[in-house]
N, C-alpha and C. Protein backbone atom coordinates (compact mmCIF):
# COMPACT_ATOMS: atom_id res chain seq x y z
N MET A 1 0.82 -1.07 -0.10
CA MET A 1 -0.12 -0.06 0.02
C MET A 1 0.93 1.18 -0.04
N ARG A 2 0.76 2.24 -0.69
CA ARG A 2 1.28 3.23 -1.12
C ARG A 2 1.10 4.29 -0.03
N VAL A 3 1.65 5.13 0.60
CA VAL A 3 1.44 6.41 1.15
C VAL A 3 1.60 7.70 0.62
N PHE A 4 0.39 8.16 0.23
CA PHE A 4 0.18 9.25 -0.79
C PHE A 4 0.62 10.56 -0.03
N LEU A 5 0.96 10.72 0.97
CA LEU A 5 1.58 12.08 1.88
C LEU A 5 2.70 12.02 2.32
N ALA A 6 3.67 10.98 1.89
CA ALA A 6 5.04 10.71 1.84
C ALA A 6 5.55 11.98 1.29
N HIS A 7 7.15 12.22 1.81
CA HIS A 7 7.41 13.41 1.08
C HIS A 7 7.73 12.73 -0.13
N GLY A 8 7.44 13.49 -1.49
CA GLY A 8 7.75 13.40 -2.63
C GLY A 8 6.56 12.29 -3.51
N ALA A 9 5.92 11.64 -2.69
CA ALA A 9 5.36 10.77 -3.43
C ALA A 9 4.07 11.24 -4.07
N LEU A 10 3.86 12.71 -3.89
CA LEU A 10 2.54 13.46 -5.04
C LEU A 10 3.64 14.37 -5.97
N GLY A 11 4.89 14.66 -5.82
CA GLY A 11 5.24 15.14 -6.68
C GLY A 11 5.23 17.02 -6.37
N VAL A 12 4.87 17.47 -7.34
CA VAL A 12 4.39 18.81 -7.08
C VAL A 12 3.54 19.33 -6.35
N TRP A 13 2.63 18.29 -6.02
CA TRP A 13 1.15 18.31 -5.50
C TRP A 13 1.78 18.31 -3.68
N ASP A 14 3.06 17.94 -3.35
CA ASP A 14 3.56 17.95 -2.20
C ASP A 14 3.17 19.31 -1.50
N GLU A 15 3.93 19.98 -2.47
CA GLU A 15 4.21 21.52 -2.07
C GLU A 15 2.70 22.41 -1.62
N VAL A 16 1.96 21.58 -2.73
CA VAL A 16 0.65 22.54 -2.93
C VAL A 16 -0.03 22.72 -1.52
N ILE A 17 -0.04 21.24 -1.22
CA ILE A 17 -0.97 20.89 -0.14
C ILE A 17 -0.44 21.49 0.93
N PHE A 18 1.16 21.34 1.04
CA PHE A 18 1.95 22.22 1.96
C PHE A 18 1.49 23.63 2.25
N LEU A 19 1.57 24.11 1.16
CA LEU A 19 1.19 25.58 0.93
C LEU A 19 -0.03 25.80 1.45
N GLY A 20 -0.92 24.98 1.11
CA GLY A 20 -2.40 25.22 1.64
C GLY A 20 -2.70 25.18 2.79
N ILE A 21 -2.05 24.16 3.67
CA ILE A 21 -2.41 23.92 4.93
C ILE A 21 -1.30 25.51 5.80
N THR A 22 -0.44 25.69 5.43
CA THR A 22 0.27 26.70 6.02
C THR A 22 -0.72 28.12 5.59
N ALA A 23 -1.30 28.07 4.35
CA ALA A 23 -2.56 29.55 4.66
C ALA A 23 -3.61 29.19 5.33
N VAL A 24 -4.02 27.91 5.27
CA VAL A 24 -5.32 28.00 6.50
C VAL A 24 -4.75 28.37 7.79
N PHE A 25 -3.58 27.59 8.04
CA PHE A 25 -2.91 28.13 9.63
C PHE A 25 -2.83 29.54 9.60
N ALA A 26 -2.33 30.36 8.53
CA ALA A 26 -2.13 31.42 9.09
C ALA A 26 -3.45 32.31 9.02
N LEU A 27 -4.57 32.25 7.93
CA LEU A 27 -5.58 32.81 8.16
C LEU A 27 -6.39 32.59 9.77
N ILE A 28 -6.32 31.59 10.33
CA ILE A 28 -6.92 31.15 11.21
C ILE A 28 -6.27 31.93 12.39
N MET A 29 -5.00 32.03 12.52
CA MET A 29 -4.14 32.72 13.37
C MET A 29 -4.49 34.26 13.25
N ALA A 30 -4.32 34.65 12.16
CA ALA A 30 -4.68 36.11 11.74
C ALA A 30 -6.50 36.33 12.29
N TYR A 31 -7.31 35.43 12.31
CA TYR A 31 -8.62 35.80 12.45
C TYR A 31 -8.59 35.67 13.97
N SER A 32 -7.99 35.00 14.76
CA SER A 32 -7.74 34.61 16.18
C SER A 32 -7.55 36.06 16.98
N TRP A 33 -6.38 36.50 16.17
CA TRP A 33 -5.77 37.83 16.62
C TRP A 33 -6.50 39.15 16.22
N LEU A 34 -7.08 39.20 15.32
CA LEU A 34 -8.02 40.51 15.00
C LEU A 34 -9.37 40.32 15.92
N ARG A 35 -9.88 39.17 16.31
CA ARG A 35 -11.02 38.80 17.40
C ARG A 35 -10.58 39.17 18.62
N SER A 36 -9.30 38.90 19.11
CA SER A 36 -8.89 39.30 20.29
C SER A 36 -8.23 40.66 20.59
N ARG A 37 -8.00 41.27 19.55
CA ARG A 37 -7.97 42.69 19.50
C ARG A 37 -9.36 43.47 19.87
N ARG A 38 -10.44 43.29 19.01
CA ARG A 38 -11.60 43.52 19.17
C ARG A 38 -12.54 43.46 20.35
N LEU A 39 -11.90 42.39 21.19
CA LEU A 39 -12.37 42.04 22.34
C LEU A 39 -11.61 42.76 23.53
N MET A 40 -10.45 43.12 23.25
CA MET A 40 -9.77 44.19 24.12
C MET A 40 -10.28 45.66 23.97
N ASP A 41 -10.51 45.85 22.80
CA ASP A 41 -11.04 47.07 22.98
C ASP A 41 -12.63 47.28 23.20
N GLU A 42 -13.31 46.39 22.93
CA GLU A 42 -14.60 46.55 24.09
C GLU A 42 -14.58 46.64 25.64
N GLU A 43 -13.72 45.57 25.80
CA GLU A 43 -13.11 45.76 27.25
C GLU A 43 -12.61 47.12 27.63
N ASP A 44 -12.15 47.86 26.77
CA ASP A 44 -11.61 49.27 27.40
C ASP A 44 -12.80 50.17 27.34
N GLU A 45 -13.61 49.79 26.12
CA GLU A 45 -14.64 51.06 26.44
C GLU A 45 -15.69 50.62 27.16
N GLU A 46 -15.92 49.43 28.02
CA GLU A 46 -16.39 49.36 29.26
C GLU A 46 -16.10 49.62 30.59
N ALA A 47 -14.60 49.90 30.76
CA ALA A 47 -14.18 50.45 31.44
C ALA A 47 -13.72 51.74 31.77
N VAL A 48 -15.21 52.54 31.85
CA VAL A 48 -15.32 54.15 32.11
C VAL A 48 -15.06 54.11 33.87
N PRO A 49 -14.70 55.05 34.19
CA PRO A 49 -14.70 55.46 35.86
C PRO A 49 -16.05 55.56 36.31
N GLY A 50 -16.15 54.87 37.75
CA GLY A 50 -17.17 54.83 38.09
C GLY A 50 -18.69 54.11 37.59
N ASN A 51 -17.96 52.69 36.91
CA ASN A 51 -19.08 52.33 36.25
C ASN A 51 -19.41 50.99 37.20
N GLY A 52 -18.64 50.95 38.67
CA GLY A 52 -19.07 49.82 39.17
C GLY A 52 -17.80 48.67 39.36
N ASP A 53 -17.59 48.21 38.16
CA ASP A 53 -16.41 47.49 38.36
C ASP A 53 -15.24 48.39 38.00
N HIS A 54 -14.67 49.25 37.59
CA HIS A 54 -13.26 50.07 37.64
C HIS A 54 -13.59 51.37 37.89
N TYR A 55 -12.77 51.80 38.52
CA TYR A 55 -12.81 53.30 39.18
C TYR A 55 -11.61 53.96 38.52
N GLY A 56 -11.87 55.37 38.11
CA GLY A 56 -10.59 55.90 37.79
C GLY A 56 -9.86 56.62 38.76
N LEU A 57 -8.58 56.71 38.51
CA LEU A 57 -7.68 57.52 39.30
C LEU A 57 -7.88 58.87 39.56
N ASP A 58 -7.99 59.27 40.93
CA ASP A 58 -8.06 60.86 41.30
C ASP A 58 -6.68 61.51 40.46
N GLU A 59 -7.10 62.61 40.34
CA GLU A 59 -6.06 63.58 39.70
C GLU A 59 -6.17 64.77 40.82
N GLU A 60 -4.83 65.29 41.18
CA GLU A 60 -4.93 66.35 42.27
C GLU A 60 -4.22 67.38 41.40
């Protein structure tokens, strides 16, 4: 039985599969990073002084 995803068994398609997996991984990581940035921005907007959870610093 031949293993199709072994190194070189598919010829040029090995690189195509590898680059496809790399692209999908990069897209997932970019989506995750953008989503986490958006969540941090929403938390910053909610952290206004005196809303009960967070208090602002007193300026003298």
